[in-house]
Amino acid sequence: MSSSGLTEAEERRAAELEAEATAKERAAIAESLRRRSRAAQDRDVVATADLNAPLSVRAAHEYAYVARDVKRIALTASLMVAILAVLHVLVNVMGFITI
């Protein structure tokens, strides 16, 4: 019996589990690096496709990001206006909340 209070079989099993977890972590890191590399290659191909094309054509792949961000900004603004309208009704119209 070892000084840690574990049997040799338990220590071997713990070492096996640790090795398995380390292998899974390394595989996940390698897959992440492969995905990033492929994405970078795809961006390079799109960005350098035609240097003589207008900027609007070369940057067309970024329009999706801009559209998504504008939609999120509009949603946030409308939510804030709705909250202000509810507070206005509660405070000024109904007198429900007194300040």
C-alpha atoms as a PDB file:
ATOM      1  CA  MET A   1       0.000   0.000   0.000  1.00  0.00           C
ATOM      2  CA  SER A   2       1.319   3.430  -0.886  1.00  0.00           C
ATOM      3  CA  SER A   3       1.629   6.408   1.424  1.00  0.00           C
ATOM      4  CA  SER A   4      -1.356   8.146  -0.222  1.00  0.00           C
ATOM      5  CA  GLY A   5      -3.796   5.504   0.997  1.00  0.00           C
ATOM      6  CA  LEU A   6      -4.569   4.152  -2.466  1.00  0.00           C
ATOM      7  CA  THR A   7      -3.950   0.636  -3.653  1.00  0.00           C
ATOM      8  CA  GLU A   8      -1.704   0.028  -6.622  1.00  0.00           C
ATOM      9  CA  ALA A   9      -4.717  -0.854  -8.767  1.00  0.00           C
ATOM     10  CA  GLU A  10      -6.372   2.449  -7.865  1.00  0.00           C
ATOM     11  CA  GLU A  11      -3.192   4.355  -8.663  1.00  0.00           C
ATOM     12  CA  ARG A  12      -2.910   2.590 -12.039  1.00  0.00           C
ATOM     13  CA  ARG A  13      -6.555   3.365 -12.819  1.00  0.00           C
ATOM     14  CA  ALA A  14      -6.037   7.023 -11.853  1.00  0.00           C
ATOM     15  CA  ALA A  15      -2.978   7.195 -14.119  1.00  0.00           C
ATOM     16  CA  GLU A  16      -4.977   5.643 -16.975  1.00  0.00           C
ATOM     17  CA  LEU A  17      -7.814   8.149 -16.498  1.00  0.00           C
ATOM     18  CA  GLU A  18      -5.348  11.032 -16.404  1.00  0.00           C
ATOM     19  CA  ALA A  19      -3.632   9.825 -19.573  1.00  0.00           C
ATOM     20  CA  GLU A  20      -7.019   9.435 -21.301  1.00  0.00           C
ATOM     21  CA  ALA A  21      -8.095  12.945 -20.269  1.00  0.00           C
ATOM     22  CA  THR A  22      -4.784  14.387 -21.463  1.00  0.00           C
ATOM     23  CA  ALA A  23      -5.131  12.627 -24.816  1.00  0.00           C
ATOM     24  CA  LYS A  24      -8.685  13.958 -25.263  1.00  0.00           C
ATOM     25  CA  GLU A  25      -7.532  17.473 -24.390  1.00  0.00           C
ATOM     26  CA  ARG A  26      -4.676  17.299 -26.893  1.00  0.00           C
ATOM     27  CA  ALA A  27      -7.036  16.009 -29.589  1.00  0.00           C
ATOM     28  CA  ALA A  28      -9.470  18.859 -28.894  1.00  0.00           C
ATOM     29  CA  ILE A  29      -6.671  21.425 -29.084  1.00  0.00           C
ATOM     30  CA  ALA A  30      -5.409  19.929 -32.352  1.00  0.00           C
ATOM     31  CA  GLU A  31      -8.934  19.988 -33.838  1.00  0.00           C
ATOM     32  CA  SER A  32      -9.363  23.612 -32.768  1.00  0.00           C
ATOM     33  CA  LEU A  33      -6.078  24.547 -34.418  1.00  0.00           C
ATOM     34  CA  ARG A  34      -7.092  22.722 -37.608  1.00  0.00           C
ATOM     35  CA  ARG A  35     -10.430  24.585 -37.690  1.00  0.00           C
ATOM     36  CA  ARG A  36      -8.693  27.937 -37.168  1.00  0.00           C
ATOM     37  CA  SER A  37      -6.195  27.132 -39.902  1.00  0.00           C
ATOM     38  CA  ARG A  38      -8.955  26.192 -42.353  1.00  0.00           C
ATOM     39  CA  ALA A  39     -10.911  29.344 -41.492  1.00  0.00           C
ATOM     40  CA  ALA A  40      -7.800  31.484 -41.991  1.00  0.00           C
ATOM     41  CA  GLN A  41      -7.148  29.839 -45.354  1.00  0.00           C
ATOM     42  CA  ASP A  42     -10.770  30.435 -46.403  1.00  0.00           C
ATOM     43  CA  ARG A  43     -10.521  34.104 -45.403  1.00  0.00           C
ATOM     44  CA  ASP A  44      -7.253  34.480 -47.328  1.00  0.00           C
ATOM     45  CA  VAL A  45      -8.799  32.979 -50.446  1.00  0.00           C
ATOM     46  CA  VAL A  46     -11.852  35.266 -50.213  1.00  0.00           C
ATOM     47  CA  ALA A  47      -9.827  38.376 -49.362  1.00  0.00           C
ATOM     48  CA  THR A  48      -7.317  37.928 -52.171  1.00  0.00           C
ATOM     49  CA  ALA A  49      -9.724  36.590 -54.776  1.00  0.00           C
ATOM     50  CA  ASP A  50      -9.674  39.666 -57.036  1.00  0.00           C
ATOM     51  CA  LEU A  51      -7.640  42.696 -56.076  1.00  0.00           C
ATOM     52  CA  ASN A  52      -9.130  44.749 -58.924  1.00  0.00           C
ATOM     53  CA  ALA A  53     -12.711  44.238 -57.718  1.00  0.00           C
ATOM     54  CA  PRO A  54     -14.456  47.113 -55.947  1.00  0.00           C
ATOM     55  CA  LEU A  55     -14.208  47.229 -52.170  1.00  0.00           C
ATOM     56  CA  SER A  56     -17.921  46.453 -51.853  1.00  0.00           C
ATOM     57  CA  VAL A  57     -17.378  43.166 -53.668  1.00  0.00           C
ATOM     58  CA  ARG A  58     -14.247  42.244 -51.733  1.00  0.00           C
ATOM     59  CA  ALA A  59     -15.881  43.008 -48.367  1.00  0.00           C
ATOM     60  CA  ALA A  60     -19.238  41.394 -49.153  1.00  0.00           C
ATOM     61  CA  HIS A  61     -18.569  38.516 -46.737  1.00  0.00           C
ATOM     62  CA  GLU A  62     -18.490  41.038 -43.889  1.00  0.00           C
ATOM     63  CA  TYR A  63     -21.961  42.391 -44.625  1.00  0.00           C
ATOM     64  CA  ALA A  64     -23.552  39.456 -42.818  1.00  0.00           C
ATOM     65  CA  TYR A  65     -21.731  40.421 -39.622  1.00  0.00           C
ATOM     66  CA  VAL A  66     -22.784  44.042 -39.971  1.00  0.00           C
ATOM     67  CA  ALA A  67     -26.416  43.111 -40.618  1.00  0.00           C
ATOM     68  CA  ARG A  68     -26.461  40.824 -37.585  1.00  0.00           C
ATOM     69  CA  ASP A  69     -24.938  43.507 -35.376  1.00  0.00           C
ATOM     70  CA  VAL A  70     -27.387  46.166 -36.575  1.00  0.00           C
ATOM     71  CA  LYS A  71     -30.302  43.812 -35.813  1.00  0.00           C
ATOM     72  CA  ARG A  72     -28.957  43.233 -32.295  1.00  0.00           C
ATOM     73  CA  ILE A  73     -28.531  46.974 -31.737  1.00  0.00           C
ATOM     74  CA  ALA A  74     -32.088  47.631 -32.944  1.00  0.00           C
ATOM     75  CA  LEU A  75     -33.447  44.877 -30.694  1.00  0.00           C
ATOM     76  CA  THR A  76     -31.593  46.262 -27.680  1.00  0.00           C
ATOM     77  CA  ALA A  77     -32.764  49.820 -28.417  1.00  0.00           C
ATOM     78  CA  SER A  78     -36.388  48.740 -28.796  1.00  0.00           C
ATOM     79  CA  LEU A  79     -36.222  46.761 -25.549  1.00  0.00           C
ATOM     80  CA  MET A  80     -34.821  49.792 -23.734  1.00  0.00           C
ATOM     81  CA  VAL A  81     -37.561  52.059 -25.155  1.00  0.00           C
ATOM     82  CA  ALA A  82     -40.213  49.540 -24.077  1.00  0.00           C
ATOM     83  CA  ILE A  83     -38.789  49.448 -20.541  1.00  0.00           C
ATOM     84  CA  LEU A  84     -38.776  53.257 -20.419  1.00  0.00           C
ATOM     85  CA  ALA A  85     -42.397  53.358 -21.644  1.00  0.00           C
ATOM     86  CA  VAL A  86     -43.502  50.908 -18.938  1.00  0.00           C
ATOM     87  CA  LEU A  87     -41.670  52.922 -16.281  1.00  0.00           C
ATOM     88  CA  HIS A  88     -43.246  56.148 -17.577  1.00  0.00           C
ATOM     89  CA  VAL A  89     -46.716  54.645 -17.291  1.00  0.00           C
ATOM     90  CA  LEU A  90     -46.041  53.251 -13.804  1.00  0.00           C
ATOM     91  CA  VAL A  91     -44.476  56.446 -12.425  1.00  0.00           C
ATOM     92  CA  ASN A  92     -46.188  59.322 -14.208  1.00  0.00           C
ATOM     93  CA  VAL A  93     -49.570  58.002 -15.304  1.00  0.00           C
ATOM     94  CA  MET A  94     -50.586  55.515 -12.613  1.00  0.00           C
ATOM     95  CA  GLY A  95     -48.544  56.881  -9.739  1.00  0.00           C
ATOM     96  CA  PHE A  96     -47.741  53.293  -8.832  1.00  0.00           C
ATOM     97  CA  ILE A  97     -44.141  54.119  -7.943  1.00  0.00           C
ATOM     98  CA  THR A  98     -43.388  57.354  -6.118  1.00  0.00           C
ATOM     99  CA  ILE A  99     -39.962  58.863  -6.206  1.00  0.00           C
END
